[in-house]
Amino acid sequence: MKFMRFAKDGRVGLAAAAKGEEFHGFFLADIPEFGDLSDALLAGEEVVASLGARLLQGEPIDFATCDQLPPLSSPAKIVCIGLNYRDHTSEAGLVQPDYPTIFSRFSSSLIGNRQPIVRPKVSQKLDYEGEIVIVIGKGGRAIPKASALTHVFGYSLFNDATLRDYQMRTPQWTMGKNFDGTGSFGPYIVTTDELPDGVKGLELQTLLNGQVVQEGNTNDMVFDVATLIETVSEVMTLAPGDLIVSGTPSGIGMARTPPLWMKPGDTCVVTSEGLGSLVNPIVDE
């Protein structure tokens, strides 16, 4: 099943789609017993299943008349993984680490499908990073790798748009990764039953103005989904609705000669089989 959040006429709603079917849904005010999707995830698998069944009884959703929002509005944790594809580590001129490179994003940076990525006034070095997002469904601490995939609710797409000059000002990447309007998330969450275990073997592409600029396969991740969950949960308790953004393949704009920065008027698309396409125009602040 797919879950999507949308807005229309100032009202927020939820929609769901069975495999191969169109989206149906309700405004949140019409299903107060469920709350938002994050509330249902915290309430457990049975509540999420009931929510999905209820949404399928709703009206068809016309994408042309609504805005698509990030599938989760305010994740408690957005844990991002750097240097998780060897070809990307190489193009960045770095040594491949034997432990995941981890940094944080904050929900204040999130936007949804078709919403604009904003190039801030203070920098023009706006880069793209297409990635796959792991959405935690069952929380836990010290989750063993053998059972880690049972803690996944689903997957989505992410454009970890980065201001490279701010990222490189210090050894910590937080500032360059958290400008408002730069964390594109969506277009929806796809539950695990519709995808290969651990999203193994999925092609991942980023296109800028219709040209493929990044192309990779999840089989090439240095640290797979189960390993990432085990590693992160060794330190912190993961909760339902937390996100792990799993890393980007090679082809980033910073590594090109000359560098390829996103600019106003561009359109960036992150796409992967089974996860749809995450589309964002670029605008100036």
Protein backbone atom coordinates (compact mmCIF):
# COMPACT_ATOMS: atom_id res chain seq x y z
CA MET A 1 0.00 0.00 0.00
CA LYS A 2 1.02 3.60 -0.55
CA PHE A 3 0.33 6.45 1.89
CA MET A 4 0.34 10.11 0.89
CA ARG A 5 -0.37 13.42 2.65
CA PHE A 6 -1.96 16.27 0.73
CA ALA A 7 -3.42 19.74 1.23
CA LYS A 8 -6.33 21.44 -0.48
CA ASP A 9 -8.07 24.72 0.36
CA GLY A 10 -6.06 25.02 3.56
CA ARG A 11 -7.02 21.54 4.79
CA VAL A 12 -4.63 18.62 5.27
CA GLY A 13 -5.62 15.12 4.26
CA LEU A 14 -4.38 11.56 3.98
CA ALA A 15 -4.72 9.21 1.04
CA ALA A 16 -3.86 5.59 0.35
CA ALA A 17 -3.62 3.41 -2.72
CA ALA A 18 -3.67 -0.35 -3.03
CA LYS A 19 -1.04 -1.77 -5.38
CA GLY A 20 -1.81 -0.71 -8.94
CA GLU A 21 -4.81 1.39 -7.91
CA GLU A 22 -5.46 5.12 -7.64
CA PHE A 23 -5.32 7.13 -4.41
CA HIS A 24 -8.43 7.65 -2.25
CA GLY A 25 -8.59 9.59 0.98
CA PHE A 26 -10.10 12.01 3.46
CA PHE A 27 -9.26 15.30 5.12
CA LEU A 28 -7.89 14.71 8.62
CA ALA A 29 -10.90 16.47 10.15
CA ASP A 30 -13.12 13.74 8.68
CA ILE A 31 -11.18 10.88 10.32
CA PRO A 32 -10.37 12.29 13.78
CA GLU A 33 -10.17 8.81 15.28
CA PHE A 34 -6.88 8.23 13.44
CA GLY A 35 -5.08 11.55 13.53
CA ASP A 36 -2.21 11.96 11.07
CA LEU A 37 -0.12 9.10 9.69
CA SER A 38 2.55 9.67 12.35
CA ASP A 39 -0.11 9.18 15.05
CA ALA A 40 -1.23 5.90 13.48
CA LEU A 41 2.36 4.62 13.29
CA LEU A 42 2.86 5.34 16.97
CA ALA A 43 -0.40 3.52 17.77
CA GLY A 44 0.78 0.32 16.08
CA GLU A 45 0.31 -1.98 13.10
CA GLU A 46 -3.39 -2.67 13.66
CA VAL A 47 -4.26 1.03 13.71
CA VAL A 48 -2.22 1.64 10.54
CA ALA A 49 -4.02 -1.24 8.81
CA SER A 50 -7.38 0.17 9.87
CA LEU A 51 -6.35 3.62 8.65
CA GLY A 52 -5.37 2.24 5.26
CA ALA A 53 -8.66 0.40 4.87
CA ARG A 54 -10.60 3.53 5.84
CA LEU A 55 -8.71 5.74 3.40
CA LEU A 56 -9.46 3.38 0.52
CA GLN A 57 -13.15 4.12 1.12
CA GLY A 58 -12.62 7.82 0.52
CA GLU A 59 -12.93 10.01 -2.55
CA PRO A 60 -10.42 9.73 -5.41
CA ILE A 61 -7.63 12.29 -5.06
CA ASP A 62 -7.00 14.59 -8.01
CA PHE A 63 -3.30 15.51 -7.90
CA ALA A 64 -3.95 18.46 -10.22
CA THR A 65 -6.09 20.20 -7.60
CA CYS A 66 -4.07 19.57 -4.42
CA ASP A 67 -0.59 19.99 -3.01
CA GLN A 68 1.44 16.94 -2.03
CA LEU A 69 3.04 17.24 1.40
CA PRO A 70 5.92 15.31 2.97
CA PRO A 71 4.43 11.89 3.85
CA LEU A 72 5.26 12.53 7.52
CA SER A 73 5.08 16.11 8.76
CA SER A 74 7.52 16.20 11.68
CA PRO A 75 9.60 13.04 12.09
CA ALA A 76 11.23 12.93 15.50
CA LYS A 77 14.50 11.82 13.89
CA ILE A 78 15.87 12.24 10.38
CA VAL A 79 19.12 10.28 10.41
CA CYS A 80 21.12 10.72 7.20
CA ILE A 81 23.86 8.46 5.91
CA GLY A 82 26.81 9.86 3.99
CA LEU A 83 29.35 8.01 1.83
CA ASN A 84 27.23 4.88 1.44
CA TYR A 85 28.08 4.24 -2.23
CA ARG A 86 31.76 3.67 -3.02
CA ASP A 87 31.62 5.53 -6.32
CA HIS A 88 30.26 8.60 -4.54
CA THR A 89 32.94 8.42 -1.84
CA SER A 90 35.58 8.22 -4.57
CA GLU A 91 34.24 11.20 -6.54
CA ALA A 92 34.20 13.26 -3.35
CA GLY A 93 37.92 12.53 -2.89
CA LEU A 94 37.37 10.77 0.43
CA VAL A 95 38.40 7.42 1.89
CA GLN A 96 35.59 4.89 2.21
CA PRO A 97 34.84 4.56 5.95
CA ASP A 98 34.30 1.19 7.59
CA TYR A 99 31.56 2.67 9.80
CA PRO A 100 28.56 4.64 8.50
CA THR A 101 28.96 8.41 8.25
CA ILE A 102 25.93 9.79 10.08
CA PHE A 103 24.50 13.31 10.28
CA SER A 104 21.10 14.83 11.01
CA ARG A 105 18.43 16.72 9.14
CA PHE A 106 15.57 18.52 10.82
CA SER A 107 11.91 18.53 9.87
CA SER A 108 11.99 22.31 9.34
CA SER A 109 13.84 21.66 6.08
CA LEU A 110 11.24 19.29 4.62
CA ILE A 111 9.14 19.87 1.51
CA GLY A 112 6.94 17.54 -0.54
CA ASN A 113 6.58 16.41 -4.11
CA ARG A 114 6.17 19.26 -6.65
CA GLN A 115 7.03 21.85 -4.00
CA PRO A 116 10.02 24.07 -4.80
CA ILE A 117 13.52 23.49 -3.53
CA VAL A 118 14.70 26.93 -2.42
CA ARG A 119 18.15 28.25 -3.28
CA PRO A 120 18.97 30.61 -0.39
CA LYS A 121 20.22 34.16 -0.84
CA VAL A 122 23.54 33.39 0.83
CA SER A 123 24.77 30.68 -1.58
CA GLN A 124 24.51 29.51 -5.19
CA LYS A 125 26.20 26.14 -4.62
CA LEU A 126 22.97 24.13 -4.42
CA ASP A 127 23.57 20.45 -5.17
CA TYR A 128 21.27 17.43 -5.60
CA GLU A 129 21.46 14.05 -3.87
CA GLY A 130 18.87 11.42 -4.76
CA GLU A 131 18.33 8.87 -2.00
CA ILE A 132 15.98 6.20 -0.65
CA VAL A 133 14.39 6.72 2.77
CA ILE A 134 13.78 3.98 5.33
CA VAL A 135 10.64 4.65 7.39
CA ILE A 136 10.64 2.95 10.79
CA GLY A 137 7.40 1.22 11.73
CA LYS A 138 8.34 -0.60 14.92
CA GLY A 139 10.64 1.10 17.37
CA GLY A 140 13.44 -0.34 19.42
CA ARG A 141 16.94 -0.05 20.80
CA ALA A 142 19.87 -2.33 20.00
CA ILE A 143 17.97 -3.98 17.15
CA PRO A 144 19.92 -6.98 15.80
CA LYS A 145 20.60 -7.09 12.07
CA ALA A 146 18.80 -10.43 11.75
CA SER A 147 15.45 -8.87 12.69
CA ALA A 148 16.05 -5.28 11.58
CA LEU A 149 13.86 -5.43 8.46
CA THR A 150 10.83 -6.31 10.60
CA HIS A 151 11.12 -2.81 12.07
CA VAL A 152 10.62 -1.12 8.68
CA PHE A 153 7.18 0.25 7.77
CA GLY A 154 8.08 1.30 4.25
CA TYR A 155 10.29 3.33 1.97
CA SER A 156 10.20 6.63 0.15
CA LEU A 157 12.44 8.96 -1.87
CA PHE A 158 14.50 11.95 -0.77
CA ASN A 159 16.45 14.74 -2.40
CA ASP A 160 19.07 15.71 0.17
CA ALA A 161 19.69 19.07 -1.53
CA THR A 162 22.86 20.56 -0.08
CA LEU A 163 24.56 23.94 0.01
CA ARG A 164 28.09 22.70 -0.54
CA ASP A 165 29.99 25.76 0.65
CA TYR A 166 28.11 25.69 3.96
CA GLN A 167 28.55 21.92 4.24
CA MET A 168 32.31 22.20 3.86
CA ARG A 169 32.85 25.11 6.25
CA THR A 170 33.33 22.66 9.14
CA PRO A 171 33.95 18.90 9.54
CA GLN A 172 30.28 18.60 10.59
CA TRP A 173 27.82 18.76 7.66
CA THR A 174 24.74 19.96 9.56
CA MET A 175 24.58 23.57 8.34
CA GLY A 176 24.80 22.77 4.65
CA LYS A 177 22.12 20.10 4.98
CA ASN A 178 19.41 22.04 6.80
CA PHE A 179 18.47 25.17 4.91
CA ASP A 180 14.71 25.64 4.83
CA GLY A 181 13.07 24.20 1.75
CA THR A 182 15.90 21.84 0.77
CA GLY A 183 14.85 18.42 2.09
CA SER A 184 12.44 16.96 -0.46
CA PHE A 185 10.60 13.87 0.80
CA GLY A 186 7.97 11.83 -1.04
CA PRO A 187 5.92 11.54 -3.12
CA TYR A 188 4.49 8.88 -0.79
CA ILE A 189 5.53 6.00 1.47
CA VAL A 190 5.37 2.51 -0.04
CA THR A 191 4.91 -0.31 2.46
CA THR A 192 7.44 -3.13 2.59
CA ASP A 193 5.11 -5.77 1.14
CA GLU A 194 5.24 -4.02 -2.26
CA LEU A 195 9.03 -3.97 -2.45
CA PRO A 196 11.97 -6.39 -2.31
CA ASP A 197 13.29 -7.16 1.18
CA GLY A 198 15.58 -4.33 2.21
CA VAL A 199 14.84 -2.69 -1.18
CA LYS A 200 17.57 -4.88 -2.65
CA GLY A 201 18.21 -4.45 -6.37
CA LEU A 202 16.33 -1.18 -6.90
CA GLU A 203 17.64 1.26 -9.49
CA LEU A 204 17.90 4.86 -8.29
CA GLN A 205 18.17 7.83 -10.64
CA THR A 206 18.37 11.60 -10.35
CA LEU A 207 17.52 13.71 -13.39
CA LEU A 208 18.20 17.43 -13.77
CA ASN A 209 16.18 19.07 -16.52
CA GLY A 210 15.52 15.65 -18.03
CA GLN A 211 19.16 14.53 -18.09
CA VAL A 212 20.29 11.61 -15.92
CA VAL A 213 22.93 12.95 -13.52
CA GLN A 214 22.97 10.13 -10.95
CA GLU A 215 22.38 6.43 -11.44
CA GLY A 216 22.91 3.67 -8.91
CA ASN A 217 21.52 0.46 -7.49
CA THR A 218 20.77 -0.31 -3.86
CA ASN A 219 22.86 -3.48 -4.20
CA ASP A 220 25.85 -1.14 -4.28
CA MET A 221 25.21 0.36 -0.84
CA VAL A 222 28.19 -0.18 1.44
CA PHE A 223 25.90 -0.52 4.47
CA ASP A 224 22.56 -2.13 3.66
CA VAL A 225 19.22 -1.32 5.28
CA ALA A 226 19.50 -3.92 8.05
CA THR A 227 23.03 -2.82 8.92
CA LEU A 228 22.00 0.82 9.11
CA ILE A 229 19.12 0.03 11.48
CA GLU A 230 21.37 -2.10 13.67
CA THR A 231 24.06 0.61 13.76
CA VAL A 232 21.78 3.56 14.49
CA SER A 233 19.73 1.69 17.12
CA GLU A 234 22.89 0.71 18.97
CA VAL A 235 23.10 4.37 19.99
CA MET A 236 19.54 5.67 20.05
CA THR A 237 16.04 4.29 20.43
CA LEU A 238 14.29 4.34 17.08
CA ALA A 239 10.61 5.25 17.15
CA PRO A 240 7.80 4.66 14.65
CA GLY A 241 7.95 7.38 12.02
CA ASP A 242 11.70 7.99 12.32
CA LEU A 243 13.54 8.27 9.00
CA ILE A 244 16.90 6.94 7.88
CA VAL A 245 18.02 8.57 4.62
CA SER A 246 20.28 5.91 3.17
CA GLY A 247 22.85 7.74 1.02
CA THR A 248 23.42 8.85 -2.57
CA PRO A 249 25.29 7.35 -5.55
CA SER A 250 27.87 9.17 -7.67
CA GLY A 251 27.16 12.02 -10.06
CA ILE A 252 26.76 14.94 -7.66
CA GLY A 253 27.18 18.40 -9.13
CA MET A 254 30.10 19.34 -6.88
CA ALA A 255 32.27 16.57 -8.38
CA ARG A 256 31.78 17.69 -11.99
CA THR A 257 34.04 19.94 -14.05
CA PRO A 258 32.76 22.58 -14.08
CA PRO A 259 30.46 22.05 -11.07
CA LEU A 260 26.80 21.58 -11.89
CA TRP A 261 24.71 23.58 -9.42
CA MET A 262 20.91 23.65 -9.39
CA LYS A 263 19.50 27.05 -10.28
CA PRO A 264 16.10 28.74 -10.51
CA GLY A 265 14.09 27.38 -13.43
CA ASP A 266 15.60 23.89 -13.14
CA THR A 267 13.57 20.79 -12.32
CA CYS A 268 15.10 17.93 -10.35
CA VAL A 269 13.56 14.44 -10.31
CA VAL A 270 14.53 11.51 -8.07
CA THR A 271 13.02 8.24 -9.22
CA SER A 272 13.17 4.55 -8.37
CA GLU A 273 11.23 1.48 -9.40
CA GLY A 274 8.22 0.98 -7.13
CA LEU A 275 8.75 4.27 -5.29
CA GLY A 276 7.53 6.68 -7.94
CA SER A 277 9.13 10.00 -8.85
CA LEU A 278 9.91 12.92 -6.56
CA VAL A 279 9.75 16.11 -8.63
CA ASN A 280 10.86 19.57 -7.49
CA PRO A 281 11.32 22.85 -9.34
CA ILE A 282 14.16 25.10 -8.15
CA VAL A 283 13.44 28.70 -7.08
CA ASP A 284 15.38 31.53 -5.49
CA GLU A 285 14.65 32.63 -1.93
